[in-house]
Amino acid sequence: MSGVTKVSSHDDLEWYRRFDQDLRLADAIDQRHDAAMTVGFARYGAGESNPWTVSYDEALIVTRGRFSVESGGAVTTATAGQVIYLRAGTDLVYRADEESEVVYVSHPHWMAATESSPHAGRLAEFQPVPS
């Protein structure tokens, strides 16, 4: 991997779906690319949500739609061009108020951090989307 890399949600990525929800995730850059962080894309249908505990720091950059994070009784909402920052250890619910696409950036790598956390079993909720 060179020092400069460009990615798009339209690239040939391996997408994962949560249960039968209209909710898909794909890592575009991660430890497989010898990167220090993970960069990926999330696509949520209107009204879809995902309860989670982040075991990593994460920035969510909304590129389309209106996306919210609920934590501790407070709701933070962002629209295209806005960023939501999440600290490791935060219990939350990701929620798409309308059809949304979000770029996520996590450090350390979200998958490795989750695998070594008490929440590792939650990863089984996501399965590859057939091509």
C-alpha atoms as a PDB file:
ATOM      1  CA  MET A   1       0.000   0.000   0.000  1.00  0.00           C
ATOM      2  CA  SER A   2       1.466   3.367  -0.979  1.00  0.00           C
ATOM      3  CA  GLY A   3       1.461   6.441   1.244  1.00  0.00           C
ATOM      4  CA  VAL A   4      -1.703   7.767  -0.431  1.00  0.00           C
ATOM      5  CA  THR A   5      -4.851   5.706  -0.931  1.00  0.00           C
ATOM      6  CA  LYS A   6      -8.314   6.686  -2.151  1.00  0.00           C
ATOM      7  CA  VAL A   7     -11.386   4.526  -1.490  1.00  0.00           C
ATOM      8  CA  SER A   8     -15.057   4.690  -2.390  1.00  0.00           C
ATOM      9  CA  SER A   9     -18.141   2.845  -1.218  1.00  0.00           C
ATOM     10  CA  HIS A  10     -18.511   1.799  -4.863  1.00  0.00           C
ATOM     11  CA  ASP A  11     -15.187  -0.095  -4.815  1.00  0.00           C
ATOM     12  CA  ASP A  12     -15.199  -3.895  -4.808  1.00  0.00           C
ATOM     13  CA  LEU A  13     -15.548  -4.291  -1.022  1.00  0.00           C
ATOM     14  CA  GLU A  14     -16.616  -7.212   1.141  1.00  0.00           C
ATOM     15  CA  TRP A  15     -19.963  -6.102   2.627  1.00  0.00           C
ATOM     16  CA  TYR A  16     -21.499  -7.543   5.794  1.00  0.00           C
ATOM     17  CA  ARG A  17     -25.162  -7.424   6.781  1.00  0.00           C
ATOM     18  CA  ARG A  18     -26.601  -7.424  10.304  1.00  0.00           C
ATOM     19  CA  PHE A  19     -29.237 -10.160  10.573  1.00  0.00           C
ATOM     20  CA  ASP A  20     -31.923  -9.456   7.937  1.00  0.00           C
ATOM     21  CA  GLN A  21     -31.715  -5.690   8.408  1.00  0.00           C
ATOM     22  CA  ASP A  22     -31.128  -3.125   5.694  1.00  0.00           C
ATOM     23  CA  LEU A  23     -27.779  -2.397   7.351  1.00  0.00           C
ATOM     24  CA  ARG A  24     -24.445  -3.096   5.663  1.00  0.00           C
ATOM     25  CA  LEU A  25     -20.811  -2.504   6.634  1.00  0.00           C
ATOM     26  CA  ALA A  26     -17.575  -2.808   4.655  1.00  0.00           C
ATOM     27  CA  ASP A  27     -14.012  -2.110   5.748  1.00  0.00           C
ATOM     28  CA  ALA A  28     -12.072  -0.413   2.940  1.00  0.00           C
ATOM     29  CA  ILE A  29      -8.720   0.064   4.720  1.00  0.00           C
ATOM     30  CA  ASP A  30      -7.598  -1.905   7.770  1.00  0.00           C
ATOM     31  CA  GLN A  31      -4.777  -4.014   9.196  1.00  0.00           C
ATOM     32  CA  ARG A  32      -4.745  -6.091   5.986  1.00  0.00           C
ATOM     33  CA  HIS A  33      -3.397  -2.937   4.333  1.00  0.00           C
ATOM     34  CA  ASP A  34      -0.790  -2.331   7.065  1.00  0.00           C
ATOM     35  CA  ALA A  35      -2.792   0.712   8.194  1.00  0.00           C
ATOM     36  CA  ALA A  36      -2.890   2.022  11.772  1.00  0.00           C
ATOM     37  CA  MET A  37      -6.683   2.503  11.678  1.00  0.00           C
ATOM     38  CA  THR A  38      -9.764   1.145   9.968  1.00  0.00           C
ATOM     39  CA  VAL A  39     -11.712   3.167   7.404  1.00  0.00           C
ATOM     40  CA  GLY A  40     -14.970   1.780   6.101  1.00  0.00           C
ATOM     41  CA  PHE A  41     -18.502   2.456   4.969  1.00  0.00           C
ATOM     42  CA  ALA A  42     -21.883   1.811   6.583  1.00  0.00           C
ATOM     43  CA  ARG A  43     -25.195   1.958   4.745  1.00  0.00           C
ATOM     44  CA  TYR A  44     -28.374   2.044   6.828  1.00  0.00           C
ATOM     45  CA  GLY A  45     -31.938   1.965   5.570  1.00  0.00           C
ATOM     46  CA  ALA A  46     -34.352   4.476   7.099  1.00  0.00           C
ATOM     47  CA  GLY A  47     -35.200   3.523  10.677  1.00  0.00           C
ATOM     48  CA  GLU A  48     -32.546   0.812  11.019  1.00  0.00           C
ATOM     49  CA  SER A  49     -30.595   0.688  14.270  1.00  0.00           C
ATOM     50  CA  ASN A  50     -27.783  -1.263  15.875  1.00  0.00           C
ATOM     51  CA  PRO A  51     -27.041  -1.355  19.621  1.00  0.00           C
ATOM     52  CA  TRP A  52     -23.286  -1.585  20.237  1.00  0.00           C
ATOM     53  CA  THR A  53     -20.464  -0.934  22.678  1.00  0.00           C
ATOM     54  CA  VAL A  54     -17.431   0.630  20.997  1.00  0.00           C
ATOM     55  CA  SER A  55     -14.138  -0.885  22.155  1.00  0.00           C
ATOM     56  CA  TYR A  56     -12.188   1.690  20.114  1.00  0.00           C
ATOM     57  CA  ASP A  57     -12.318   5.397  19.338  1.00  0.00           C
ATOM     58  CA  GLU A  58     -14.456   6.078  16.273  1.00  0.00           C
ATOM     59  CA  ALA A  59     -15.347   9.010  14.046  1.00  0.00           C
ATOM     60  CA  LEU A  60     -18.529   8.776  11.953  1.00  0.00           C
ATOM     61  CA  ILE A  61     -18.616  11.069   8.927  1.00  0.00           C
ATOM     62  CA  VAL A  62     -22.133  11.286   7.497  1.00  0.00           C
ATOM     63  CA  THR A  63     -22.007  11.451   3.700  1.00  0.00           C
ATOM     64  CA  ARG A  64     -25.725  10.990   3.016  1.00  0.00           C
ATOM     65  CA  GLY A  65     -28.890  11.182   5.069  1.00  0.00           C
ATOM     66  CA  ARG A  66     -29.484  11.900   8.738  1.00  0.00           C
ATOM     67  CA  PHE A  67     -27.789   9.630  11.277  1.00  0.00           C
ATOM     68  CA  SER A  68     -28.018   9.532  15.076  1.00  0.00           C
ATOM     69  CA  VAL A  69     -26.182   7.988  17.979  1.00  0.00           C
ATOM     70  CA  GLU A  70     -28.021   7.517  21.265  1.00  0.00           C
ATOM     71  CA  SER A  71     -25.954   7.099  24.422  1.00  0.00           C
ATOM     72  CA  GLY A  72     -26.734   7.699  28.078  1.00  0.00           C
ATOM     73  CA  GLY A  73     -30.176   9.069  27.274  1.00  0.00           C
ATOM     74  CA  ALA A  74     -28.804  11.726  24.887  1.00  0.00           C
ATOM     75  CA  VAL A  75     -29.191  11.659  21.112  1.00  0.00           C
ATOM     76  CA  THR A  76     -26.584  13.219  18.816  1.00  0.00           C
ATOM     77  CA  THR A  77     -27.701  13.676  15.206  1.00  0.00           C
ATOM     78  CA  ALA A  78     -25.602  14.536  12.169  1.00  0.00           C
ATOM     79  CA  THR A  79     -26.329  15.186   8.505  1.00  0.00           C
ATOM     80  CA  ALA A  80     -24.107  15.104   5.414  1.00  0.00           C
ATOM     81  CA  GLY A  81     -20.804  16.835   6.095  1.00  0.00           C
ATOM     82  CA  GLN A  82     -20.981  16.460   9.884  1.00  0.00           C
ATOM     83  CA  VAL A  83     -18.966  14.195  12.195  1.00  0.00           C
ATOM     84  CA  ILE A  84     -19.869  12.318  15.384  1.00  0.00           C
ATOM     85  CA  TYR A  85     -16.941  11.249  17.591  1.00  0.00           C
ATOM     86  CA  LEU A  86     -17.247   8.244  19.919  1.00  0.00           C
ATOM     87  CA  ARG A  87     -14.865   7.297  22.742  1.00  0.00           C
ATOM     88  CA  ALA A  88     -13.875   3.705  23.479  1.00  0.00           C
ATOM     89  CA  GLY A  89     -16.132   2.083  26.082  1.00  0.00           C
ATOM     90  CA  THR A  90     -19.292   3.950  25.053  1.00  0.00           C
ATOM     91  CA  ASP A  91     -22.574   1.983  25.061  1.00  0.00           C
ATOM     92  CA  LEU A  92     -24.756   3.311  22.273  1.00  0.00           C
ATOM     93  CA  VAL A  93     -27.316   2.731  19.567  1.00  0.00           C
ATOM     94  CA  TYR A  94     -26.501   3.713  15.974  1.00  0.00           C
ATOM     95  CA  ARG A  95     -29.699   4.822  14.197  1.00  0.00           C
ATOM     96  CA  ALA A  96     -30.535   6.013  10.689  1.00  0.00           C
ATOM     97  CA  ASP A  97     -33.284   8.625  10.871  1.00  0.00           C
ATOM     98  CA  GLU A  98     -33.450   8.352   7.079  1.00  0.00           C
ATOM     99  CA  GLU A  99     -31.535   6.316   4.504  1.00  0.00           C
ATOM    100  CA  SER A 100     -27.898   7.070   5.334  1.00  0.00           C
ATOM    101  CA  GLU A 101     -24.324   6.386   4.377  1.00  0.00           C
ATOM    102  CA  VAL A 102     -21.571   6.914   6.920  1.00  0.00           C
ATOM    103  CA  VAL A 103     -17.789   6.685   6.678  1.00  0.00           C
ATOM    104  CA  TYR A 104     -16.341   5.227   9.869  1.00  0.00           C
ATOM    105  CA  VAL A 105     -12.761   5.658  11.038  1.00  0.00           C
ATOM    106  CA  SER A 106     -11.650   3.665  14.078  1.00  0.00           C
ATOM    107  CA  HIS A 107      -8.475   3.377  16.100  1.00  0.00           C
ATOM    108  CA  PRO A 108      -7.357   0.826  16.949  1.00  0.00           C
ATOM    109  CA  HIS A 109      -8.934  -1.457  14.363  1.00  0.00           C
ATOM    110  CA  TRP A 110     -12.568  -1.943  15.388  1.00  0.00           C
ATOM    111  CA  MET A 111     -12.672  -5.666  14.577  1.00  0.00           C
ATOM    112  CA  ALA A 112      -9.548  -6.577  16.568  1.00  0.00           C
ATOM    113  CA  ALA A 113     -10.625  -4.372  19.480  1.00  0.00           C
ATOM    114  CA  THR A 114     -14.078  -5.980  19.541  1.00  0.00           C
ATOM    115  CA  GLU A 115     -12.663  -9.514  19.259  1.00  0.00           C
ATOM    116  CA  SER A 116     -10.618  -8.931  22.418  1.00  0.00           C
ATOM    117  CA  SER A 117     -13.502  -7.270  24.314  1.00  0.00           C
ATOM    118  CA  PRO A 118     -16.339  -8.731  26.415  1.00  0.00           C
ATOM    119  CA  HIS A 119     -18.605  -7.938  23.432  1.00  0.00           C
ATOM    120  CA  ALA A 120     -16.879 -10.274  20.940  1.00  0.00           C
ATOM    121  CA  GLY A 121     -20.004 -12.432  20.579  1.00  0.00           C
ATOM    122  CA  ARG A 122     -21.826  -9.515  18.917  1.00  0.00           C
ATOM    123  CA  LEU A 123     -19.644  -9.944  15.811  1.00  0.00           C
ATOM    124  CA  ALA A 124     -21.677 -13.072  14.928  1.00  0.00           C
ATOM    125  CA  GLU A 125     -24.633 -10.765  14.174  1.00  0.00           C
ATOM    126  CA  PHE A 126     -22.900  -9.802  10.902  1.00  0.00           C
ATOM    127  CA  GLN A 127     -22.640 -12.130   7.924  1.00  0.00           C
ATOM    128  CA  PRO A 128     -21.127 -11.600   4.461  1.00  0.00           C
ATOM    129  CA  VAL A 129     -23.501 -10.309   1.805  1.00  0.00           C
ATOM    130  CA  PRO A 130     -23.487 -12.693  -1.178  1.00  0.00           C
ATOM    131  CA  SER A 131     -22.043 -11.119  -4.340  1.00  0.00           C
END
